[in-house]
N, C-alpha and C. Protein backbone atom coordinates (compact mmCIF):
# COMPACT_ATOMS: atom_id res chain seq x y z
N UNK A 1 -2.00 -42.80 11.38
CA UNK A 1 -1.50 -42.52 10.06
C UNK A 1 -2.03 -41.18 9.52
N UNK A 2 -3.14 -40.69 10.08
CA UNK A 2 -3.72 -39.44 9.58
C UNK A 2 -2.85 -38.24 9.91
N UNK A 3 -2.08 -38.29 10.97
CA UNK A 3 -1.21 -37.19 11.34
C UNK A 3 -0.05 -37.01 10.37
N UNK A 4 0.36 -38.06 9.73
CA UNK A 4 1.47 -37.99 8.79
C UNK A 4 1.04 -37.49 7.41
N UNK A 5 -0.25 -37.52 7.11
CA UNK A 5 -0.73 -37.10 5.80
C UNK A 5 -0.51 -35.60 5.56
N UNK A 6 -0.51 -34.83 6.61
CA UNK A 6 -0.31 -33.38 6.46
C UNK A 6 1.10 -33.07 5.98
N UNK A 7 2.06 -33.97 6.25
CA UNK A 7 3.43 -33.76 5.79
C UNK A 7 3.52 -33.75 4.27
N UNK A 8 2.64 -34.48 3.59
CA UNK A 8 2.63 -34.47 2.12
C UNK A 8 2.26 -33.10 1.57
N UNK A 9 1.61 -32.28 2.35
CA UNK A 9 1.30 -30.90 1.95
C UNK A 9 2.34 -29.92 2.47
N UNK A 10 2.76 -30.08 3.72
CA UNK A 10 3.64 -29.10 4.34
C UNK A 10 5.06 -29.12 3.80
N UNK A 11 5.61 -30.28 3.49
CA UNK A 11 6.98 -30.34 2.99
C UNK A 11 7.11 -29.68 1.61
N UNK A 12 6.28 -30.02 0.62
CA UNK A 12 6.38 -29.30 -0.66
C UNK A 12 6.07 -27.81 -0.53
N UNK A 13 5.12 -27.45 0.32
CA UNK A 13 4.80 -26.05 0.52
C UNK A 13 5.98 -25.29 1.12
N UNK A 14 6.67 -25.90 2.06
CA UNK A 14 7.84 -25.23 2.65
C UNK A 14 8.98 -25.13 1.64
N UNK A 15 9.14 -26.12 0.77
CA UNK A 15 10.17 -26.04 -0.27
C UNK A 15 9.86 -24.93 -1.27
N UNK A 16 8.60 -24.76 -1.62
CA UNK A 16 8.22 -23.67 -2.51
C UNK A 16 8.48 -22.33 -1.84
N UNK A 17 8.16 -22.21 -0.58
CA UNK A 17 8.39 -20.97 0.16
C UNK A 17 9.88 -20.65 0.24
N UNK A 18 10.71 -21.64 0.48
CA UNK A 18 12.16 -21.42 0.52
C UNK A 18 12.65 -20.96 -0.85
N UNK A 19 12.14 -21.56 -1.92
CA UNK A 19 12.54 -21.16 -3.27
C UNK A 19 12.14 -19.72 -3.56
N UNK A 20 10.94 -19.32 -3.16
CA UNK A 20 10.48 -17.95 -3.39
C UNK A 20 11.33 -16.95 -2.62
N UNK A 21 11.64 -17.26 -1.37
CA UNK A 21 12.47 -16.37 -0.56
C UNK A 21 13.87 -16.26 -1.14
N UNK A 22 14.44 -17.38 -1.59
CA UNK A 22 15.77 -17.36 -2.20
C UNK A 22 15.76 -16.57 -3.49
N UNK A 23 14.70 -16.69 -4.29
CA UNK A 23 14.62 -15.94 -5.54
C UNK A 23 14.51 -14.44 -5.28
N UNK A 24 13.73 -14.05 -4.28
CA UNK A 24 13.63 -12.63 -3.93
C UNK A 24 14.95 -12.09 -3.40
N UNK A 25 15.65 -12.87 -2.62
CA UNK A 25 16.95 -12.44 -2.11
C UNK A 25 17.95 -12.30 -3.25
N UNK A 26 17.96 -13.25 -4.21
CA UNK A 26 18.84 -13.18 -5.36
C UNK A 26 18.53 -11.95 -6.20
N UNK A 27 17.23 -11.66 -6.40
CA UNK A 27 16.84 -10.48 -7.16
C UNK A 27 17.33 -9.20 -6.47
N UNK A 28 17.21 -9.15 -5.15
CA UNK A 28 17.65 -7.95 -4.42
C UNK A 28 19.15 -7.77 -4.51
N UNK A 29 19.90 -8.85 -4.55
CA UNK A 29 21.35 -8.74 -4.71
C UNK A 29 21.71 -8.25 -6.11
N UNK A 30 21.04 -8.78 -7.12
CA UNK A 30 21.35 -8.43 -8.50
C UNK A 30 20.93 -7.01 -8.86
N UNK A 31 19.92 -6.46 -8.21
CA UNK A 31 19.46 -5.11 -8.53
C UNK A 31 20.13 -4.05 -7.67
N UNK A 32 21.06 -4.44 -6.81
CA UNK A 32 21.84 -3.46 -6.05
C UNK A 32 21.14 -2.90 -4.84
N UNK A 33 20.25 -3.66 -4.24
CA UNK A 33 19.52 -3.16 -3.08
C UNK A 33 20.43 -2.99 -1.85
N UNK A 34 21.55 -3.71 -1.81
CA UNK A 34 22.42 -3.67 -0.64
C UNK A 34 23.72 -2.94 -0.92
N UNK A 35 23.80 -2.16 -1.99
CA UNK A 35 25.05 -1.52 -2.37
C UNK A 35 25.44 -0.39 -1.44
N UNK A 36 24.50 0.47 -1.07
CA UNK A 36 24.82 1.63 -0.24
C UNK A 36 23.89 1.63 0.97
N UNK A 37 24.32 0.96 2.02
CA UNK A 37 23.47 0.86 3.21
C UNK A 37 23.59 2.08 4.11
N UNK A 38 24.73 2.77 4.08
CA UNK A 38 24.94 3.90 4.98
C UNK A 38 24.61 5.24 4.35
N UNK A 39 24.54 5.32 3.05
CA UNK A 39 24.32 6.58 2.35
C UNK A 39 23.04 7.29 2.73
N UNK A 40 21.89 6.62 2.73
CA UNK A 40 20.66 7.34 3.09
C UNK A 40 20.68 7.90 4.51
N UNK A 41 21.30 7.20 5.43
CA UNK A 41 21.39 7.71 6.79
C UNK A 41 22.26 8.96 6.88
N UNK A 42 23.35 8.98 6.12
CA UNK A 42 24.21 10.16 6.11
C UNK A 42 23.53 11.32 5.40
N UNK A 43 22.77 11.05 4.34
CA UNK A 43 22.08 12.12 3.62
C UNK A 43 21.02 12.78 4.50
N UNK A 44 20.37 12.00 5.34
CA UNK A 44 19.37 12.59 6.25
C UNK A 44 20.05 13.51 7.25
N UNK A 45 21.18 13.08 7.79
CA UNK A 45 21.87 13.88 8.81
C UNK A 45 22.51 15.13 8.21
N UNK A 46 23.00 15.04 6.99
CA UNK A 46 23.71 16.16 6.37
C UNK A 46 22.80 17.00 5.47
N UNK A 47 21.50 16.77 5.50
CA UNK A 47 20.57 17.50 4.65
C UNK A 47 20.50 18.95 5.09
N UNK A 48 20.55 19.86 4.11
CA UNK A 48 20.43 21.28 4.40
C UNK A 48 18.97 21.67 4.26
N UNK A 49 18.30 21.89 5.38
CA UNK A 49 16.88 22.18 5.36
C UNK A 49 16.57 23.53 4.74
N UNK A 50 17.54 24.42 4.68
CA UNK A 50 17.30 25.74 4.11
C UNK A 50 17.04 25.68 2.61
N UNK A 51 17.43 24.62 1.94
CA UNK A 51 17.20 24.53 0.50
C UNK A 51 15.73 24.31 0.18
N UNK A 52 14.93 23.87 1.14
CA UNK A 52 13.51 23.65 0.92
C UNK A 52 12.69 24.93 1.06
N UNK A 53 13.24 25.95 1.69
CA UNK A 53 12.52 27.19 1.93
C UNK A 53 12.66 28.08 0.70
N UNK A 54 11.56 28.59 0.15
CA UNK A 54 11.68 29.47 -1.01
C UNK A 54 12.38 30.77 -0.65
N UNK A 55 13.06 31.34 -1.63
CA UNK A 55 13.83 32.57 -1.39
C UNK A 55 12.92 33.75 -1.05
N UNK A 56 11.81 33.89 -1.74
CA UNK A 56 10.89 35.00 -1.46
C UNK A 56 9.71 34.48 -0.66
N UNK A 57 9.39 35.19 0.36
CA UNK A 57 8.25 34.81 1.20
C UNK A 57 7.15 35.84 1.03
N UNK A 58 5.94 35.36 1.04
CA UNK A 58 4.78 36.25 0.99
C UNK A 58 4.46 36.68 2.42
N UNK A 59 4.86 37.89 2.76
CA UNK A 59 4.61 38.40 4.10
C UNK A 59 3.69 39.61 4.00
N UNK A 60 3.00 39.87 5.06
CA UNK A 60 2.10 41.02 5.11
C UNK A 60 2.85 42.16 5.78
N UNK A 61 2.83 43.31 5.12
CA UNK A 61 3.47 44.49 5.67
C UNK A 61 2.62 44.98 6.85
N UNK A 62 3.20 45.08 8.05
CA UNK A 62 2.38 45.47 9.20
C UNK A 62 1.78 46.87 9.08
N UNK A 63 2.41 47.75 8.28
CA UNK A 63 1.87 49.10 8.12
C UNK A 63 0.65 49.12 7.21
N UNK A 64 0.58 48.20 6.23
CA UNK A 64 -0.52 48.23 5.27
C UNK A 64 -1.63 47.23 5.60
N UNK A 65 -1.37 46.23 6.39
CA UNK A 65 -2.38 45.25 6.73
C UNK A 65 -2.61 44.29 5.57
N UNK A 66 -3.75 43.68 5.57
CA UNK A 66 -4.06 42.69 4.55
C UNK A 66 -5.09 43.24 3.57
N UNK A 67 -4.92 44.47 3.15
CA UNK A 67 -5.88 45.05 2.21
C UNK A 67 -5.58 44.55 0.80
N UNK A 68 -6.63 44.48 0.02
CA UNK A 68 -6.51 43.98 -1.34
C UNK A 68 -6.72 45.13 -2.31
N UNK A 69 -5.83 45.26 -3.31
CA UNK A 69 -5.98 46.33 -4.28
C UNK A 69 -6.88 45.87 -5.41
N UNK A 70 -7.76 46.83 -5.89
CA UNK A 70 -8.66 46.49 -7.00
C UNK A 70 -8.34 47.33 -8.19
């Protein structure tokens, strides 16, 4: 009979776990987590990396070297 006593703990615990998982799934549906599944993948592929590079670059003129003016 001692082996069956654990069921009094495991069955309610599993029901609570199912309820928590269902509540999280319902929340994710209501907040729009599954609305655009393909968009982020397309944005990564179509991203223009040149927009991250600043227009002006700090380069050293080879004729002047790295001298500092005072």
